[in-house]
Amino acid sequence: MRTAFVLSPVLFFIACAPSVQQQPPASEAVRAASPIELGEEYVGYEREAPSARGRTGPITLRTVSLYLPNRLLDFWDIFRVDVGVGPSLGASLKLSSSLQFSYRRIKPFSLRLGALGRRFPAFVEKRSEIGIGSDIAADRNRRTGDFEIGAGAELLVLGVYAGVCLDESIDFVLGIFGIDVLEDDFR
């Protein structure tokens, strides 16, 4: 039963794999795609035919074996959650990288631990985060995603932050169908 569960995505991709068709030589593809007749000086010039653009190539064993790890990493990339210990006070609200409100005083530092996508799950935050919009001066370890929605609060010695990256969630859903929008899959 367990083997059937593990092999079902593999068999699905093998069954849905597009057939590999023989492509004409590049010089013929250039001539066929060009609205004008090219002279002899362009015979050695190779250009990708319009019909071949965007094609990812045949599905290989490597692609199939990396499917599940890539989907798990894409799912992990969605969430930003961390807990901090250290003298701090304030709150933050993030609706995207350009629409955020934050007043978080951190002196001298806050030790943070959590789920930060593919980054190392622990960091030391030394810089206070104060401002509105995209001009917030934040610690280099706390990077807000372009489409991240989240909120955090700091109270004396304990801080917490939770967020969701909408672009990463779209990448995860489309990745199920083999489309890597953010181009972060292992190949």
C-alpha atoms as a PDB file:
ATOM      1  CA  MET A   1       0.000   0.000   0.000  1.00  0.00           C
ATOM      2  CA  ARG A   2       2.796   2.406   0.937  1.00  0.00           C
ATOM      3  CA  THR A   3       4.635   1.658  -2.326  1.00  0.00           C
ATOM      4  CA  ALA A   4       1.515   2.433  -4.362  1.00  0.00           C
ATOM      5  CA  PHE A   5       1.124   5.759  -2.539  1.00  0.00           C
ATOM      6  CA  VAL A   6       4.735   6.749  -3.225  1.00  0.00           C
ATOM      7  CA  LEU A   7       4.694   5.630  -6.866  1.00  0.00           C
ATOM      8  CA  SER A   8       1.357   7.240  -7.799  1.00  0.00           C
ATOM      9  CA  PRO A   9       2.852  10.733  -8.512  1.00  0.00           C
ATOM     10  CA  VAL A  10       5.639   9.111 -10.520  1.00  0.00           C
ATOM     11  CA  LEU A  11       3.204   7.089 -12.619  1.00  0.00           C
ATOM     12  CA  PHE A  12       1.001  10.155 -13.100  1.00  0.00           C
ATOM     13  CA  PHE A  13       3.898  12.162 -14.525  1.00  0.00           C
ATOM     14  CA  ILE A  14       5.022   9.334 -16.780  1.00  0.00           C
ATOM     15  CA  ALA A  15       1.488   8.963 -18.130  1.00  0.00           C
ATOM     16  CA  CYS A  16       1.075  12.713 -18.658  1.00  0.00           C
ATOM     17  CA  ALA A  17       4.513  13.273 -20.197  1.00  0.00           C
ATOM     18  CA  PRO A  18       4.360  14.961 -23.598  1.00  0.00           C
ATOM     19  CA  SER A  19       5.613  12.879 -26.475  1.00  0.00           C
ATOM     20  CA  VAL A  20       9.045  13.864 -27.751  1.00  0.00           C
ATOM     21  CA  GLN A  21       8.908  14.886 -31.389  1.00  0.00           C
ATOM     22  CA  GLN A  22      11.811  15.079 -33.812  1.00  0.00           C
ATOM     23  CA  GLN A  23      12.738  18.751 -34.322  1.00  0.00           C
ATOM     24  CA  PRO A  24      14.045  19.952 -37.682  1.00  0.00           C
ATOM     25  CA  PRO A  25      17.624  21.234 -37.768  1.00  0.00           C
ATOM     26  CA  ALA A  26      17.966  24.797 -36.482  1.00  0.00           C
ATOM     27  CA  SER A  27      18.741  26.260 -39.915  1.00  0.00           C
ATOM     28  CA  GLU A  28      15.487  24.802 -41.316  1.00  0.00           C
ATOM     29  CA  ALA A  29      13.556  26.091 -38.292  1.00  0.00           C
ATOM     30  CA  VAL A  30      14.933  29.598 -38.849  1.00  0.00           C
ATOM     31  CA  ARG A  31      13.949  29.511 -42.520  1.00  0.00           C
ATOM     32  CA  ALA A  32      10.474  28.180 -41.693  1.00  0.00           C
ATOM     33  CA  ALA A  33       9.892  30.805 -38.995  1.00  0.00           C
ATOM     34  CA  SER A  34      11.177  33.784 -40.979  1.00  0.00           C
ATOM     35  CA  PRO A  35       8.675  35.819 -42.975  1.00  0.00           C
ATOM     36  CA  ILE A  36      11.451  36.684 -45.462  1.00  0.00           C
ATOM     37  CA  GLU A  37      13.945  34.515 -47.266  1.00  0.00           C
ATOM     38  CA  LEU A  38      17.350  34.579 -45.585  1.00  0.00           C
ATOM     39  CA  GLY A  39      20.525  34.755 -47.628  1.00  0.00           C
ATOM     40  CA  GLU A  40      23.491  32.395 -47.488  1.00  0.00           C
ATOM     41  CA  GLU A  41      25.196  34.571 -44.850  1.00  0.00           C
ATOM     42  CA  TYR A  42      22.603  33.345 -42.327  1.00  0.00           C
ATOM     43  CA  VAL A  43      22.981  29.609 -42.983  1.00  0.00           C
ATOM     44  CA  GLY A  44      25.268  29.122 -39.948  1.00  0.00           C
ATOM     45  CA  TYR A  45      23.101  31.346 -37.747  1.00  0.00           C
ATOM     46  CA  GLU A  46      21.104  29.261 -35.276  1.00  0.00           C
ATOM     47  CA  ARG A  47      17.990  30.629 -33.654  1.00  0.00           C
ATOM     48  CA  GLU A  48      15.364  28.843 -31.631  1.00  0.00           C
ATOM     49  CA  ALA A  49      12.167  28.172 -33.549  1.00  0.00           C
ATOM     50  CA  PRO A  50       9.055  29.897 -32.109  1.00  0.00           C
ATOM     51  CA  SER A  51       7.327  26.548 -31.594  1.00  0.00           C
ATOM     52  CA  ALA A  52      10.196  25.348 -29.381  1.00  0.00           C
ATOM     53  CA  ARG A  53      10.225  28.376 -27.083  1.00  0.00           C
ATOM     54  CA  GLY A  54       9.113  27.684 -23.530  1.00  0.00           C
ATOM     55  CA  ARG A  55       9.445  23.924 -23.957  1.00  0.00           C
ATOM     56  CA  THR A  56      11.143  22.362 -20.949  1.00  0.00           C
ATOM     57  CA  GLY A  57      12.234  19.190 -22.668  1.00  0.00           C
ATOM     58  CA  PRO A  58      11.441  15.580 -21.926  1.00  0.00           C
ATOM     59  CA  ILE A  59      10.668  14.433 -18.419  1.00  0.00           C
ATOM     60  CA  THR A  60      13.687  12.617 -17.037  1.00  0.00           C
ATOM     61  CA  LEU A  61      14.208  10.314 -14.081  1.00  0.00           C
ATOM     62  CA  ARG A  62      15.935  13.226 -12.306  1.00  0.00           C
ATOM     63  CA  THR A  63      12.861  15.449 -12.804  1.00  0.00           C
ATOM     64  CA  VAL A  64      10.576  12.732 -11.446  1.00  0.00           C
ATOM     65  CA  SER A  65      12.814  12.003  -8.456  1.00  0.00           C
ATOM     66  CA  LEU A  66      13.009  15.709  -7.526  1.00  0.00           C
ATOM     67  CA  TYR A  67       9.256  16.285  -7.839  1.00  0.00           C
ATOM     68  CA  LEU A  68       8.335  15.459  -4.225  1.00  0.00           C
ATOM     69  CA  PRO A  69      11.301  17.296  -2.601  1.00  0.00           C
ATOM     70  CA  ASN A  70      10.555  20.383  -4.721  1.00  0.00           C
ATOM     71  CA  ARG A  71       6.868  20.367  -3.729  1.00  0.00           C
ATOM     72  CA  LEU A  72       7.779  20.005  -0.032  1.00  0.00           C
ATOM     73  CA  LEU A  73      10.245  22.908  -0.270  1.00  0.00           C
ATOM     74  CA  ASP A  74       7.678  25.024  -2.144  1.00  0.00           C
ATOM     75  CA  PHE A  75       5.167  24.331   0.640  1.00  0.00           C
ATOM     76  CA  TRP A  76       7.768  25.211   3.306  1.00  0.00           C
ATOM     77  CA  ASP A  77       8.525  28.504   1.490  1.00  0.00           C
ATOM     78  CA  ILE A  78       4.962  29.739   2.067  1.00  0.00           C
ATOM     79  CA  PHE A  79       5.282  30.291   5.825  1.00  0.00           C
ATOM     80  CA  ARG A  80       7.285  32.810   7.861  1.00  0.00           C
ATOM     81  CA  VAL A  81       6.980  32.154  11.575  1.00  0.00           C
ATOM     82  CA  ASP A  82       9.487  33.012  14.269  1.00  0.00           C
ATOM     83  CA  VAL A  83       9.713  33.466  18.016  1.00  0.00           C
ATOM     84  CA  GLY A  84      12.271  35.735  19.608  1.00  0.00           C
ATOM     85  CA  VAL A  85      13.832  36.131  23.025  1.00  0.00           C
ATOM     86  CA  GLY A  86      15.518  39.387  23.971  1.00  0.00           C
ATOM     87  CA  PRO A  87      14.714  42.941  25.095  1.00  0.00           C
ATOM     88  CA  SER A  88      12.199  44.271  22.584  1.00  0.00           C
ATOM     89  CA  LEU A  89       8.951  46.242  22.372  1.00  0.00           C
ATOM     90  CA  GLY A  90       6.566  47.044  19.517  1.00  0.00           C
ATOM     91  CA  ALA A  91       4.511  45.589  16.678  1.00  0.00           C
ATOM     92  CA  SER A  92       4.522  45.218  12.908  1.00  0.00           C
ATOM     93  CA  LEU A  93       1.964  44.664  10.159  1.00  0.00           C
ATOM     94  CA  LYS A  94       3.093  43.653   6.671  1.00  0.00           C
ATOM     95  CA  LEU A  95       0.747  43.556   3.677  1.00  0.00           C
ATOM     96  CA  SER A  96       3.570  43.381   1.095  1.00  0.00           C
ATOM     97  CA  SER A  97       7.172  44.545   0.834  1.00  0.00           C
ATOM     98  CA  SER A  98       5.975  48.038  -0.091  1.00  0.00           C
ATOM     99  CA  LEU A  99       3.002  48.284   2.302  1.00  0.00           C
ATOM    100  CA  GLN A 100       4.147  47.676   5.854  1.00  0.00           C
ATOM    101  CA  PHE A 101       3.875  49.430   9.189  1.00  0.00           C
ATOM    102  CA  SER A 102       6.359  48.713  11.911  1.00  0.00           C
ATOM    103  CA  TYR A 103       7.586  50.011  15.234  1.00  0.00           C
ATOM    104  CA  ARG A 104       9.790  47.384  16.867  1.00  0.00           C
ATOM    105  CA  ARG A 105      12.552  48.496  19.243  1.00  0.00           C
ATOM    106  CA  ILE A 106      15.239  45.871  19.786  1.00  0.00           C
ATOM    107  CA  LYS A 107      18.085  46.614  22.216  1.00  0.00           C
ATOM    108  CA  PRO A 108      20.704  45.098  22.122  1.00  0.00           C
ATOM    109  CA  PHE A 109      19.450  41.994  20.240  1.00  0.00           C
ATOM    110  CA  SER A 110      16.735  39.366  19.920  1.00  0.00           C
ATOM    111  CA  LEU A 111      17.529  35.705  19.259  1.00  0.00           C
ATOM    112  CA  ARG A 112      14.980  34.425  16.709  1.00  0.00           C
ATOM    113  CA  LEU A 113      14.021  30.850  15.855  1.00  0.00           C
ATOM    114  CA  GLY A 114      11.369  29.623  13.425  1.00  0.00           C
ATOM    115  CA  ALA A 115      10.307  28.695   9.905  1.00  0.00           C
ATOM    116  CA  LEU A 116      11.887  31.122   7.457  1.00  0.00           C
ATOM    117  CA  GLY A 117      11.427  29.349   4.147  1.00  0.00           C
ATOM    118  CA  ARG A 118      14.677  27.926   2.779  1.00  0.00           C
ATOM    119  CA  ARG A 119      16.832  30.121   5.013  1.00  0.00           C
ATOM    120  CA  PHE A 120      18.555  28.900   8.163  1.00  0.00           C
ATOM    121  CA  PRO A 121      15.873  28.726  10.918  1.00  0.00           C
ATOM    122  CA  ALA A 122      17.722  30.856  13.483  1.00  0.00           C
ATOM    123  CA  PHE A 123      19.168  34.362  13.463  1.00  0.00           C
ATOM    124  CA  VAL A 124      20.111  37.223  15.739  1.00  0.00           C
ATOM    125  CA  GLU A 125      18.156  40.408  15.098  1.00  0.00           C
ATOM    126  CA  LYS A 126      20.140  43.477  16.178  1.00  0.00           C
ATOM    127  CA  ARG A 127      18.469  46.346  14.367  1.00  0.00           C
ATOM    128  CA  SER A 128      15.183  48.002  15.325  1.00  0.00           C
ATOM    129  CA  GLU A 129      12.458  48.083  12.683  1.00  0.00           C
ATOM    130  CA  ILE A 130      10.745  51.462  12.476  1.00  0.00           C
ATOM    131  CA  GLY A 131       8.855  52.973   9.545  1.00  0.00           C
ATOM    132  CA  ILE A 132       6.029  52.895   7.035  1.00  0.00           C
ATOM    133  CA  GLY A 133       6.033  51.546   3.480  1.00  0.00           C
ATOM    134  CA  SER A 134       9.021  50.078   1.700  1.00  0.00           C
ATOM    135  CA  ASP A 135      11.521  52.389   3.435  1.00  0.00           C
ATOM    136  CA  ILE A 136      11.590  50.452   6.691  1.00  0.00           C
ATOM    137  CA  ALA A 137      15.107  49.967   7.929  1.00  0.00           C
ATOM    138  CA  ALA A 138      15.111  46.387   9.154  1.00  0.00           C
ATOM    139  CA  ASP A 139      17.731  43.847  10.131  1.00  0.00           C
ATOM    140  CA  ARG A 140      19.289  42.159   7.107  1.00  0.00           C
ATOM    141  CA  ASN A 141      18.092  38.778   8.410  1.00  0.00           C
ATOM    142  CA  ARG A 142      14.447  39.843   8.416  1.00  0.00           C
ATOM    143  CA  ARG A 143      13.523  40.108   4.759  1.00  0.00           C
ATOM    144  CA  THR A 144       9.907  40.695   3.799  1.00  0.00           C
ATOM    145  CA  GLY A 145       8.755  38.923   0.635  1.00  0.00           C
ATOM    146  CA  ASP A 146       7.184  40.947  -2.160  1.00  0.00           C
ATOM    147  CA  PHE A 147       3.730  39.514  -1.434  1.00  0.00           C
ATOM    148  CA  GLU A 148       4.095  38.589   2.241  1.00  0.00           C
ATOM    149  CA  ILE A 149       1.205  39.187   4.633  1.00  0.00           C
ATOM    150  CA  GLY A 150       2.064  38.976   8.309  1.00  0.00           C
ATOM    151  CA  ALA A 151       1.997  40.496  11.758  1.00  0.00           C
ATOM    152  CA  GLY A 152       4.250  40.456  14.764  1.00  0.00           C
ATOM    153  CA  ALA A 153       4.444  41.742  18.308  1.00  0.00           C
ATOM    154  CA  GLU A 154       7.252  42.242  20.830  1.00  0.00           C
ATOM    155  CA  LEU A 155       6.586  42.538  24.549  1.00  0.00           C
ATOM    156  CA  LEU A 156       9.548  43.071  26.871  1.00  0.00           C
ATOM    157  CA  VAL A 157      11.553  39.861  26.384  1.00  0.00           C
ATOM    158  CA  LEU A 158       9.336  37.787  24.075  1.00  0.00           C
ATOM    159  CA  GLY A 159       8.488  38.414  20.423  1.00  0.00           C
ATOM    160  CA  VAL A 160       6.505  36.542  17.812  1.00  0.00           C
ATOM    161  CA  TYR A 161       5.925  36.974  14.069  1.00  0.00           C
ATOM    162  CA  ALA A 162       3.706  35.008  11.653  1.00  0.00           C
ATOM    163  CA  GLY A 163       3.316  35.547   7.929  1.00  0.00           C
ATOM    164  CA  VAL A 164       2.291  33.913   4.668  1.00  0.00           C
ATOM    165  CA  CYS A 165       3.877  34.562   1.256  1.00  0.00           C
ATOM    166  CA  LEU A 166       1.167  34.646  -1.413  1.00  0.00           C
ATOM    167  CA  ASP A 167       3.616  34.331  -4.319  1.00  0.00           C
ATOM    168  CA  GLU A 168       5.124  31.226  -2.729  1.00  0.00           C
ATOM    169  CA  SER A 169       1.658  29.695  -2.307  1.00  0.00           C
ATOM    170  CA  ILE A 170       0.933  30.242  -6.017  1.00  0.00           C
ATOM    171  CA  ASP A 171       4.332  28.695  -6.825  1.00  0.00           C
ATOM    172  CA  PHE A 172       3.390  25.670  -4.697  1.00  0.00           C
ATOM    173  CA  VAL A 173      -0.019  25.145  -6.331  1.00  0.00           C
ATOM    174  CA  LEU A 174       1.296  25.573  -9.889  1.00  0.00           C
ATOM    175  CA  GLY A 175       4.307  23.398  -9.027  1.00  0.00           C
ATOM    176  CA  ILE A 176       1.930  20.482  -8.503  1.00  0.00           C
ATOM    177  CA  PHE A 177       1.232  20.709 -12.247  1.00  0.00           C
ATOM    178  CA  GLY A 178       4.905  21.106 -13.175  1.00  0.00           C
ATOM    179  CA  ILE A 179       4.958  24.905 -13.518  1.00  0.00           C
ATOM    180  CA  ASP A 180       7.771  26.579 -11.546  1.00  0.00           C
ATOM    181  CA  VAL A 181       6.758  30.250 -11.490  1.00  0.00           C
ATOM    182  CA  LEU A 182       9.510  31.417  -9.113  1.00  0.00           C
ATOM    183  CA  GLU A 183      12.124  29.150 -10.731  1.00  0.00           C
ATOM    184  CA  ASP A 184      13.327  27.836  -7.384  1.00  0.00           C
ATOM    185  CA  ASP A 185      12.998  24.101  -8.042  1.00  0.00           C
ATOM    186  CA  PHE A 186      16.050  21.843  -8.062  1.00  0.00           C
ATOM    187  CA  ARG A 187      16.738  20.521 -11.554  1.00  0.00           C
END
